[in-house]
ModelCIF file with pLDDT and N, C-alpha, C, O atoms, coordinates in Angstrom:
data_MODEL
#
_entry.id   MODEL 
#
_entity.id                         1 
_entity.type                       polymer 
_entity.pdbx_number_of_molecules   1 
#
_entity_poly.entity_id                      1 
_entity_poly.type                           'polypeptide(L)' 
_entity_poly.nstd_linkage                   no 
_entity_poly.nstd_monomer                   no 
_entity_poly.pdbx_seq_one_letter_code       LEALRPRVGRWDRTPKYALVDPRAPRRRYRVGG 
_entity_poly.pdbx_seq_one_letter_code_can   LEALRPRVGRWDRTPKYALVDPRAPRRRYRVGG 
_entity_poly.pdbx_strand_id                 A 
#
loop_
_entity_poly_seq.entity_id 
_entity_poly_seq.num 
_entity_poly_seq.mon_id 
_entity_poly_seq.hetero 
1 1  LEU n 
1 2  GLU n 
1 3  ALA n 
1 4  LEU n 
1 5  ARG n 
1 6  PRO n 
1 7  ARG n 
1 8  VAL n 
1 9  GLY n 
1 10 ARG n 
1 11 TRP n 
1 12 ASP n 
1 13 ARG n 
1 14 THR n 
1 15 PRO n 
1 16 LYS n 
1 17 TYR n 
1 18 ALA n 
1 19 LEU n 
1 20 VAL n 
1 21 ASP n 
1 22 PRO n 
1 23 ARG n 
1 24 ALA n 
1 25 PRO n 
1 26 ARG n 
1 27 ARG n 
1 28 ARG n 
1 29 TYR n 
1 30 ARG n 
1 31 VAL n 
1 32 GLY n 
1 33 GLY n 
#
_struct_asym.id          A 
_struct_asym.entity_id   1 
#
loop_
_ma_qa_metric.id 
_ma_qa_metric.mode 
_ma_qa_metric.name 
_ma_qa_metric.software_group_id 
_ma_qa_metric.type 
1 global pLDDT . pLDDT 
2 local  pLDDT . pLDDT 
#
_ma_qa_metric_global.metric_id      1 
_ma_qa_metric_global.metric_value   73.21 
_ma_qa_metric_global.model_id       1 
_ma_qa_metric_global.ordinal_id     1 
#
loop_
_ma_qa_metric_local.label_asym_id 
_ma_qa_metric_local.label_comp_id 
_ma_qa_metric_local.label_seq_id 
_ma_qa_metric_local.metric_id 
_ma_qa_metric_local.metric_value 
_ma_qa_metric_local.model_id 
_ma_qa_metric_local.ordinal_id 
A LEU 1  2 96.00 1 1  
A GLU 2  2 95.00 1 2  
A ALA 3  2 95.00 1 3  
A LEU 4  2 93.00 1 4  
A ARG 5  2 91.00 1 5  
A PRO 6  2 87.00 1 6  
A ARG 7  2 86.00 1 7  
A VAL 8  2 86.00 1 8  
A GLY 9  2 82.00 1 9  
A ARG 10 2 82.00 1 10 
A TRP 11 2 75.00 1 11 
A ASP 12 2 78.00 1 12 
A ARG 13 2 77.00 1 13 
A THR 14 2 80.00 1 14 
A PRO 15 2 78.00 1 15 
A LYS 16 2 79.00 1 16 
A TYR 17 2 80.00 1 17 
A ALA 18 2 77.00 1 18 
A LEU 19 2 68.00 1 19 
A VAL 20 2 58.00 1 20 
A ASP 21 2 52.00 1 21 
A PRO 22 2 47.00 1 22 
A ARG 23 2 50.00 1 23 
A ALA 24 2 55.00 1 24 
A PRO 25 2 52.00 1 25 
A ARG 26 2 52.00 1 26 
A ARG 27 2 62.00 1 27 
A ARG 28 2 71.00 1 28 
A TYR 29 2 67.00 1 29 
A ARG 30 2 68.00 1 30 
A VAL 31 2 70.00 1 31 
A GLY 32 2 65.00 1 32 
A GLY 33 2 62.00 1 33 
#
loop_
_atom_site.group_PDB 
_atom_site.id 
_atom_site.type_symbol 
_atom_site.label_atom_id 
_atom_site.label_alt_id 
_atom_site.label_comp_id 
_atom_site.label_asym_id 
_atom_site.label_entity_id 
_atom_site.label_seq_id 
_atom_site.pdbx_PDB_ins_code 
_atom_site.Cartn_x 
_atom_site.Cartn_y 
_atom_site.Cartn_z 
_atom_site.occupancy 
_atom_site.B_iso_or_equiv 
_atom_site.pdbx_formal_charge 
_atom_site.auth_seq_id 
_atom_site.auth_comp_id 
_atom_site.auth_asym_id 
_atom_site.auth_atom_id 
_atom_site.pdbx_PDB_model_num 
ATOM 1   N N  . LEU A 1 1  ? -15.533 6.067   -9.108  1.00 96.00 ? 1  LEU A N  1 
ATOM 2   C CA . LEU A 1 1  ? -15.937 7.451   -9.378  1.00 96.00 ? 1  LEU A CA 1 
ATOM 3   C C  . LEU A 1 1  ? -14.728 8.306   -9.749  1.00 96.00 ? 1  LEU A C  1 
ATOM 4   O O  . LEU A 1 1  ? -14.818 9.151   -10.640 1.00 96.00 ? 1  LEU A O  1 
ATOM 5   N N  . GLU A 1 2  ? -13.606 8.095   -9.078  1.00 95.00 ? 2  GLU A N  1 
ATOM 6   C CA . GLU A 1 2  ? -12.393 8.839   -9.412  1.00 95.00 ? 2  GLU A CA 1 
ATOM 7   C C  . GLU A 1 2  ? -11.935 8.531   -10.832 1.00 95.00 ? 2  GLU A C  1 
ATOM 8   O O  . GLU A 1 2  ? -11.382 9.401   -11.505 1.00 95.00 ? 2  GLU A O  1 
ATOM 9   N N  . ALA A 1 3  ? -12.158 7.310   -11.291 1.00 95.00 ? 3  ALA A N  1 
ATOM 10  C CA . ALA A 1 3  ? -11.718 6.909   -12.620 1.00 95.00 ? 3  ALA A CA 1 
ATOM 11  C C  . ALA A 1 3  ? -12.495 7.610   -13.728 1.00 95.00 ? 3  ALA A C  1 
ATOM 12  O O  . ALA A 1 3  ? -12.057 7.623   -14.879 1.00 95.00 ? 3  ALA A O  1 
ATOM 13  N N  . LEU A 1 4  ? -13.629 8.185   -13.396 1.00 93.00 ? 4  LEU A N  1 
ATOM 14  C CA . LEU A 1 4  ? -14.419 8.899   -14.396 1.00 93.00 ? 4  LEU A CA 1 
ATOM 15  C C  . LEU A 1 4  ? -13.846 10.273  -14.696 1.00 93.00 ? 4  LEU A C  1 
ATOM 16  O O  . LEU A 1 4  ? -14.238 10.911  -15.673 1.00 93.00 ? 4  LEU A O  1 
ATOM 17  N N  . ARG A 1 5  ? -12.920 10.732  -13.862 1.00 91.00 ? 5  ARG A N  1 
ATOM 18  C CA . ARG A 1 5  ? -12.267 12.022  -14.094 1.00 91.00 ? 5  ARG A CA 1 
ATOM 19  C C  . ARG A 1 5  ? -11.056 11.821  -14.997 1.00 91.00 ? 5  ARG A C  1 
ATOM 20  O O  . ARG A 1 5  ? -10.513 10.718  -15.057 1.00 91.00 ? 5  ARG A O  1 
ATOM 21  N N  . PRO A 1 6  ? -10.620 12.870  -15.702 1.00 87.00 ? 6  PRO A N  1 
ATOM 22  C CA . PRO A 1 6  ? -9.508  12.701  -16.646 1.00 87.00 ? 6  PRO A CA 1 
ATOM 23  C C  . PRO A 1 6  ? -8.152  12.493  -15.985 1.00 87.00 ? 6  PRO A C  1 
ATOM 24  O O  . PRO A 1 6  ? -7.253  11.940  -16.620 1.00 87.00 ? 6  PRO A O  1 
ATOM 25  N N  . ARG A 1 7  ? -7.970  12.909  -14.749 1.00 86.00 ? 7  ARG A N  1 
ATOM 26  C CA . ARG A 1 7  ? -6.672  12.782  -14.099 1.00 86.00 ? 7  ARG A CA 1 
ATOM 27  C C  . ARG A 1 7  ? -6.369  11.313  -13.796 1.00 86.00 ? 7  ARG A C  1 
ATOM 28  O O  . ARG A 1 7  ? -7.216  10.601  -13.257 1.00 86.00 ? 7  ARG A O  1 
ATOM 29  N N  . VAL A 1 8  ? -5.162  10.862  -14.144 1.00 86.00 ? 8  VAL A N  1 
ATOM 30  C CA . VAL A 1 8  ? -4.793  9.454   -13.948 1.00 86.00 ? 8  VAL A CA 1 
ATOM 31  C C  . VAL A 1 8  ? -4.681  9.113   -12.477 1.00 86.00 ? 8  VAL A C  1 
ATOM 32  O O  . VAL A 1 8  ? -5.209  8.091   -12.039 1.00 86.00 ? 8  VAL A O  1 
ATOM 33  N N  . GLY A 1 9  ? -4.000  9.952   -11.703 1.00 82.00 ? 9  GLY A N  1 
ATOM 34  C CA . GLY A 1 9  ? -3.808  9.702   -10.282 1.00 82.00 ? 9  GLY A CA 1 
ATOM 35  C C  . GLY A 1 9  ? -2.460  9.071   -9.994  1.00 82.00 ? 9  GLY A C  1 
ATOM 36  O O  . GLY A 1 9  ? -1.706  8.739   -10.908 1.00 82.00 ? 9  GLY A O  1 
ATOM 37  N N  . ARG A 1 10 ? -2.173  8.913   -8.736  1.00 82.00 ? 10 ARG A N  1 
ATOM 38  C CA . ARG A 1 10 ? -0.884  8.403   -8.293  1.00 82.00 ? 10 ARG A CA 1 
ATOM 39  C C  . ARG A 1 10 ? -0.892  6.876   -8.258  1.00 82.00 ? 10 ARG A C  1 
ATOM 40  O O  . ARG A 1 10 ? -1.874  6.256   -7.849  1.00 82.00 ? 10 ARG A O  1 
ATOM 41  N N  . TRP A 1 11 ? 0.219   6.283   -8.694  1.00 75.00 ? 11 TRP A N  1 
ATOM 42  C CA . TRP A 1 11 ? 0.387   4.824   -8.669  1.00 75.00 ? 11 TRP A CA 1 
ATOM 43  C C  . TRP A 1 11 ? 1.023   4.476   -7.330  1.00 75.00 ? 11 TRP A C  1 
ATOM 44  O O  . TRP A 1 11 ? 2.238   4.587   -7.169  1.00 75.00 ? 11 TRP A O  1 
ATOM 45  N N  . ASP A 1 12 ? 0.201   4.053   -6.364  1.00 78.00 ? 12 ASP A N  1 
ATOM 46  C CA . ASP A 1 12 ? 0.701   3.739   -5.023  1.00 78.00 ? 12 ASP A CA 1 
ATOM 47  C C  . ASP A 1 12 ? 1.102   2.271   -4.956  1.00 78.00 ? 12 ASP A C  1 
ATOM 48  O O  . ASP A 1 12 ? 0.285   1.385   -5.207  1.00 78.00 ? 12 ASP A O  1 
ATOM 49  N N  . ARG A 1 13 ? 2.347   2.023   -4.622  1.00 77.00 ? 13 ARG A N  1 
ATOM 50  C CA . ARG A 1 13 ? 2.839   0.662   -4.507  1.00 77.00 ? 13 ARG A CA 1 
ATOM 51  C C  . ARG A 1 13 ? 2.254   -0.020  -3.271  1.00 77.00 ? 13 ARG A C  1 
ATOM 52  O O  . ARG A 1 13 ? 1.861   0.644   -2.312  1.00 77.00 ? 13 ARG A O  1 
ATOM 53  N N  . THR A 1 14 ? 2.203   -1.334  -3.306  1.00 80.00 ? 14 THR A N  1 
ATOM 54  C CA . THR A 1 14 ? 1.753   -2.115  -2.164  1.00 80.00 ? 14 THR A CA 1 
ATOM 55  C C  . THR A 1 14 ? 2.972   -2.555  -1.362  1.00 80.00 ? 14 THR A C  1 
ATOM 56  O O  . THR A 1 14 ? 3.835   -3.242  -1.909  1.00 80.00 ? 14 THR A O  1 
ATOM 57  N N  . PRO A 1 15 ? 3.075   -2.187  -0.089  1.00 78.00 ? 15 PRO A N  1 
ATOM 58  C CA . PRO A 1 15 ? 4.261   -2.565  0.702   1.00 78.00 ? 15 PRO A CA 1 
ATOM 59  C C  . PRO A 1 15 ? 4.420   -4.074  0.821   1.00 78.00 ? 15 PRO A C  1 
ATOM 60  O O  . PRO A 1 15 ? 3.440   -4.805  0.967   1.00 78.00 ? 15 PRO A O  1 
ATOM 61  N N  . LYS A 1 16 ? 5.673   -4.533  0.757   1.00 79.00 ? 16 LYS A N  1 
ATOM 62  C CA . LYS A 1 16 ? 5.984   -5.948  0.949   1.00 79.00 ? 16 LYS A CA 1 
ATOM 63  C C  . LYS A 1 16 ? 6.989   -6.064  2.074   1.00 79.00 ? 16 LYS A C  1 
ATOM 64  O O  . LYS A 1 16 ? 7.933   -5.277  2.152   1.00 79.00 ? 16 LYS A O  1 
ATOM 65  N N  . TYR A 1 17 ? 6.792   -7.052  2.956   1.00 80.00 ? 17 TYR A N  1 
ATOM 66  C CA . TYR A 1 17 ? 7.626   -7.170  4.152   1.00 80.00 ? 17 TYR A CA 1 
ATOM 67  C C  . TYR A 1 17 ? 8.318   -8.531  4.269   1.00 80.00 ? 17 TYR A C  1 
ATOM 68  O O  . TYR A 1 17 ? 9.031   -8.770  5.244   1.00 80.00 ? 17 TYR A O  1 
ATOM 69  N N  . ALA A 1 18 ? 8.122   -9.425  3.299   1.00 77.00 ? 18 ALA A N  1 
ATOM 70  C CA . ALA A 1 18 ? 8.638   -10.786 3.421   1.00 77.00 ? 18 ALA A CA 1 
ATOM 71  C C  . ALA A 1 18 ? 8.101   -11.445 4.690   1.00 77.00 ? 18 ALA A C  1 
ATOM 72  O O  . ALA A 1 18 ? 8.814   -12.203 5.348   1.00 77.00 ? 18 ALA A O  1 
ATOM 73  N N  . LEU A 1 19 ? 6.853   -11.157 5.032   1.00 68.00 ? 19 LEU A N  1 
ATOM 74  C CA . LEU A 1 19 ? 6.237   -11.704 6.239   1.00 68.00 ? 19 LEU A CA 1 
ATOM 75  C C  . LEU A 1 19 ? 5.549   -13.025 5.922   1.00 68.00 ? 19 LEU A C  1 
ATOM 76  O O  . LEU A 1 19 ? 4.587   -13.061 5.154   1.00 68.00 ? 19 LEU A O  1 
ATOM 77  N N  . VAL A 1 20 ? 6.030   -14.082 6.497   1.00 58.00 ? 20 VAL A N  1 
ATOM 78  C CA . VAL A 1 20 ? 5.354   -15.373 6.399   1.00 58.00 ? 20 VAL A CA 1 
ATOM 79  C C  . VAL A 1 20 ? 5.063   -15.940 7.792   1.00 58.00 ? 20 VAL A C  1 
ATOM 80  O O  . VAL A 1 20 ? 4.357   -16.939 7.923   1.00 58.00 ? 20 VAL A O  1 
ATOM 81  N N  . ASP A 1 21 ? 5.602   -15.308 8.815   1.00 52.00 ? 21 ASP A N  1 
ATOM 82  C CA . ASP A 1 21 ? 5.411   -15.741 10.196  1.00 52.00 ? 21 ASP A CA 1 
ATOM 83  C C  . ASP A 1 21 ? 4.397   -14.813 10.862  1.00 52.00 ? 21 ASP A C  1 
ATOM 84  O O  . ASP A 1 21 ? 4.653   -13.611 10.935  1.00 52.00 ? 21 ASP A O  1 
ATOM 85  N N  . PRO A 1 22 ? 3.255   -15.314 11.351  1.00 47.00 ? 22 PRO A N  1 
ATOM 86  C CA . PRO A 1 22 ? 2.257   -14.448 11.983  1.00 47.00 ? 22 PRO A CA 1 
ATOM 87  C C  . PRO A 1 22 ? 2.794   -13.668 13.176  1.00 47.00 ? 22 PRO A C  1 
ATOM 88  O O  . PRO A 1 22 ? 2.203   -12.660 13.563  1.00 47.00 ? 22 PRO A O  1 
ATOM 89  N N  . ARG A 1 23 ? 3.904   -14.114 13.768  1.00 50.00 ? 23 ARG A N  1 
ATOM 90  C CA . ARG A 1 23 ? 4.438   -13.405 14.935  1.00 50.00 ? 23 ARG A CA 1 
ATOM 91  C C  . ARG A 1 23 ? 5.374   -12.266 14.543  1.00 50.00 ? 23 ARG A C  1 
ATOM 92  O O  . ARG A 1 23 ? 5.793   -11.485 15.398  1.00 50.00 ? 23 ARG A O  1 
ATOM 93  N N  . ALA A 1 24 ? 5.705   -12.165 13.250  1.00 55.00 ? 24 ALA A N  1 
ATOM 94  C CA . ALA A 1 24 ? 6.660   -11.143 12.816  1.00 55.00 ? 24 ALA A CA 1 
ATOM 95  C C  . ALA A 1 24 ? 6.062   -9.744  12.986  1.00 55.00 ? 24 ALA A C  1 
ATOM 96  O O  . ALA A 1 24 ? 4.866   -9.563  12.761  1.00 55.00 ? 24 ALA A O  1 
ATOM 97  N N  . PRO A 1 25 ? 6.861   -8.761  13.374  1.00 52.00 ? 25 PRO A N  1 
ATOM 98  C CA . PRO A 1 25 ? 6.333   -7.420  13.620  1.00 52.00 ? 25 PRO A CA 1 
ATOM 99  C C  . PRO A 1 25 ? 6.088   -6.651  12.339  1.00 52.00 ? 25 PRO A C  1 
ATOM 100 O O  . PRO A 1 25 ? 6.688   -6.946  11.305  1.00 52.00 ? 25 PRO A O  1 
ATOM 101 N N  . ARG A 1 26 ? 5.206   -5.666  12.405  1.00 52.00 ? 26 ARG A N  1 
ATOM 102 C CA . ARG A 1 26 ? 5.034   -4.714  11.318  1.00 52.00 ? 26 ARG A CA 1 
ATOM 103 C C  . ARG A 1 26 ? 6.260   -3.812  11.280  1.00 52.00 ? 26 ARG A C  1 
ATOM 104 O O  . ARG A 1 26 ? 6.862   -3.507  12.309  1.00 52.00 ? 26 ARG A O  1 
ATOM 105 N N  . ARG A 1 27 ? 6.616   -3.391  10.064  1.00 62.00 ? 27 ARG A N  1 
ATOM 106 C CA . ARG A 1 27 ? 7.815   -2.579  9.960   1.00 62.00 ? 27 ARG A CA 1 
ATOM 107 C C  . ARG A 1 27 ? 7.541   -1.336  9.126   1.00 62.00 ? 27 ARG A C  1 
ATOM 108 O O  . ARG A 1 27 ? 6.481   -0.727  9.267   1.00 62.00 ? 27 ARG A O  1 
ATOM 109 N N  . ARG A 1 28 ? 8.465   -0.948  8.267   1.00 71.00 ? 28 ARG A N  1 
ATOM 110 C CA . ARG A 1 28 ? 8.335   0.291   7.522   1.00 71.00 ? 28 ARG A CA 1 
ATOM 111 C C  . ARG A 1 28 ? 7.286   0.190   6.419   1.00 71.00 ? 28 ARG A C  1 
ATOM 112 O O  . ARG A 1 28 ? 6.650   -0.847  6.229   1.00 71.00 ? 28 ARG A O  1 
ATOM 113 N N  . TYR A 1 29 ? 7.125   1.308   5.692   1.00 67.00 ? 29 TYR A N  1 
ATOM 114 C CA . TYR A 1 29 ? 6.218   1.397   4.544   1.00 67.00 ? 29 TYR A CA 1 
ATOM 115 C C  . TYR A 1 29 ? 4.752   1.261   4.961   1.00 67.00 ? 29 TYR A C  1 
ATOM 116 O O  . TYR A 1 29 ? 3.977   0.567   4.303   1.00 67.00 ? 29 TYR A O  1 
ATOM 117 N N  . ARG A 1 30 ? 4.382   1.914   6.036   1.00 68.00 ? 30 ARG A N  1 
ATOM 118 C CA . ARG A 1 30 ? 2.982   1.841   6.455   1.00 68.00 ? 30 ARG A CA 1 
ATOM 119 C C  . ARG A 1 30 ? 2.109   2.632   5.490   1.00 68.00 ? 30 ARG A C  1 
ATOM 120 O O  . ARG A 1 30 ? 2.542   3.629   4.911   1.00 68.00 ? 30 ARG A O  1 
ATOM 121 N N  . VAL A 1 31 ? 0.874   2.170   5.327   1.00 70.00 ? 31 VAL A N  1 
ATOM 122 C CA . VAL A 1 31 ? -0.116  2.815   4.479   1.00 70.00 ? 31 VAL A CA 1 
ATOM 123 C C  . VAL A 1 31 ? -1.315  3.161   5.346   1.00 70.00 ? 31 VAL A C  1 
ATOM 124 O O  . VAL A 1 31 ? -1.684  2.399   6.239   1.00 70.00 ? 31 VAL A O  1 
ATOM 125 N N  . GLY A 1 32 ? -1.924  4.316   5.082   1.00 65.00 ? 32 GLY A N  1 
ATOM 126 C CA . GLY A 1 32 ? -3.134  4.682   5.813   1.00 65.00 ? 32 GLY A CA 1 
ATOM 127 C C  . GLY A 1 32 ? -2.860  5.687   6.909   1.00 65.00 ? 32 GLY A C  1 
ATOM 128 O O  . GLY A 1 32 ? -1.862  5.596   7.624   1.00 65.00 ? 32 GLY A O  1 
ATOM 129 N N  . GLY A 1 33 ? -3.770  6.655   7.032   1.00 62.00 ? 33 GLY A N  1 
ATOM 130 C CA . GLY A 1 33 ? -3.616  7.697   8.027   1.00 62.00 ? 33 GLY A CA 1 
ATOM 131 C C  . GLY A 1 33 ? -4.433  7.426   9.276   1.00 62.00 ? 33 GLY A C  1 
ATOM 132 O O  . GLY A 1 33 ? -4.407  8.222   10.215  1.00 62.00 ? 33 GLY A O  1 
#
């Protein structure tokens, strides 16, 4: 629905953490309120 409006919008990057170990902690670049 947002795409039907003329405004392009913000290009939000997807955070990458080099996480391959399930025990590794979450770190910076959190997304979501």
